[in-house]
Amino acid sequence: MPITCKACSICRDSVEQALERVNLPYTHSQSGSTSIYTVNITSPTTWNPNSLAKLCWNKLEFPYHQAKRSGNTIQCTNV
């Protein structure tokens, strides 16, 4: 199951630049002013709790708003 990242128009550019900087393939769609990025990697629920990936997921934040997580989705609190 892929990971979904939802960002408002303020956070959108930073999220897109970060995905491109680490060379992660993603798809992008738009719903109103919300940008939705889908990254086709395994679900965070399947990661070892002590793995670097899980630690990074838990610390992932948006530049202008707080992060809200639910299952495979992370979104800024402004969407």
Protein backbone atom coordinates (compact mmCIF):
# COMPACT_ATOMS: atom_id res chain seq x y z
CA MET A 1 0.00 0.00 0.00
CA PRO A 2 1.53 3.37 -0.99
CA ILE A 3 2.19 6.32 1.28
CA THR A 4 0.17 9.48 0.69
CA CYS A 5 1.36 12.96 1.57
CA LYS A 6 -1.15 15.82 1.49
CA ALA A 7 0.13 19.39 1.49
CA CYS A 8 -1.51 22.80 1.37
CA SER A 9 -0.52 25.39 -1.21
CA ILE A 10 1.98 26.89 1.26
CA CYS A 11 3.81 23.59 1.99
CA ARG A 12 3.46 22.12 -1.53
CA ASP A 13 6.72 23.39 -3.06
CA SER A 14 8.81 22.24 -0.09
CA VAL A 15 7.29 18.75 -0.20
CA GLU A 16 7.84 18.42 -3.94
CA GLN A 17 11.44 19.65 -3.68
CA ALA A 18 12.16 17.19 -0.85
CA LEU A 19 10.79 14.25 -2.86
CA GLU A 20 12.86 15.26 -5.88
CA ARG A 21 15.99 15.86 -3.79
CA VAL A 22 15.96 12.25 -2.52
CA ASN A 23 14.95 10.99 -5.98
CA LEU A 24 11.78 9.24 -4.83
CA PRO A 25 9.39 8.48 -7.68
CA TYR A 26 5.94 9.85 -6.92
CA THR A 27 2.65 10.76 -8.53
CA HIS A 28 0.99 14.10 -7.97
CA SER A 29 -2.66 15.06 -8.05
CA GLN A 30 -4.62 18.10 -6.96
CA SER A 31 -7.90 18.43 -5.07
CA GLY A 32 -8.77 22.10 -4.75
CA SER A 33 -5.79 23.77 -3.08
CA THR A 34 -4.53 20.46 -1.64
CA SER A 35 -1.64 18.71 -3.39
CA ILE A 36 -1.59 14.94 -2.98
CA TYR A 37 1.68 13.07 -3.45
CA THR A 38 1.67 9.28 -3.63
CA VAL A 39 4.90 7.37 -3.07
CA ASN A 40 4.77 3.68 -3.93
CA ILE A 41 6.67 2.18 -0.98
CA THR A 42 5.59 -0.21 1.75
CA SER A 43 3.35 0.98 4.55
CA PRO A 44 4.92 2.46 7.70
CA THR A 45 2.93 -0.08 9.71
CA THR A 46 5.12 -2.85 8.25
CA TRP A 47 8.42 -1.20 9.18
CA ASN A 48 10.50 -2.34 12.13
CA PRO A 49 9.83 0.16 14.96
CA ASN A 50 13.58 0.65 15.43
CA SER A 51 14.40 1.12 11.74
CA LEU A 52 15.76 4.36 10.33
CA ALA A 53 12.76 4.59 7.99
CA LYS A 54 10.31 4.40 10.91
CA LEU A 55 12.28 6.95 12.93
CA CYS A 56 12.33 9.34 9.95
CA TRP A 57 8.59 8.86 9.34
CA ASN A 58 7.86 9.69 12.98
CA LYS A 59 10.01 12.86 12.82
CA LEU A 60 8.79 14.04 9.40
CA GLU A 61 7.37 17.56 9.59
CA PHE A 62 6.12 20.22 7.22
CA PRO A 63 7.96 23.54 6.94
CA TYR A 64 5.01 25.78 7.86
CA HIS A 65 2.41 23.58 9.57
CA GLN A 66 2.38 20.61 11.91
CA ALA A 67 2.10 17.08 10.57
CA LYS A 68 -0.91 14.85 11.17
CA ARG A 69 -0.52 11.11 10.57
CA SER A 70 -3.15 8.47 9.99
CA GLY A 71 -2.12 5.02 8.76
CA ASN A 72 -0.30 5.48 5.44
CA THR A 73 -1.11 9.20 5.20
CA ILE A 74 0.73 12.24 6.45
CA GLN A 75 -0.68 15.70 5.90
CA CYS A 76 -0.09 19.24 7.04
CA THR A 77 -2.69 20.58 9.45
CA ASN A 78 -3.66 23.28 6.94
CA VAL A 79 -5.42 20.86 4.53
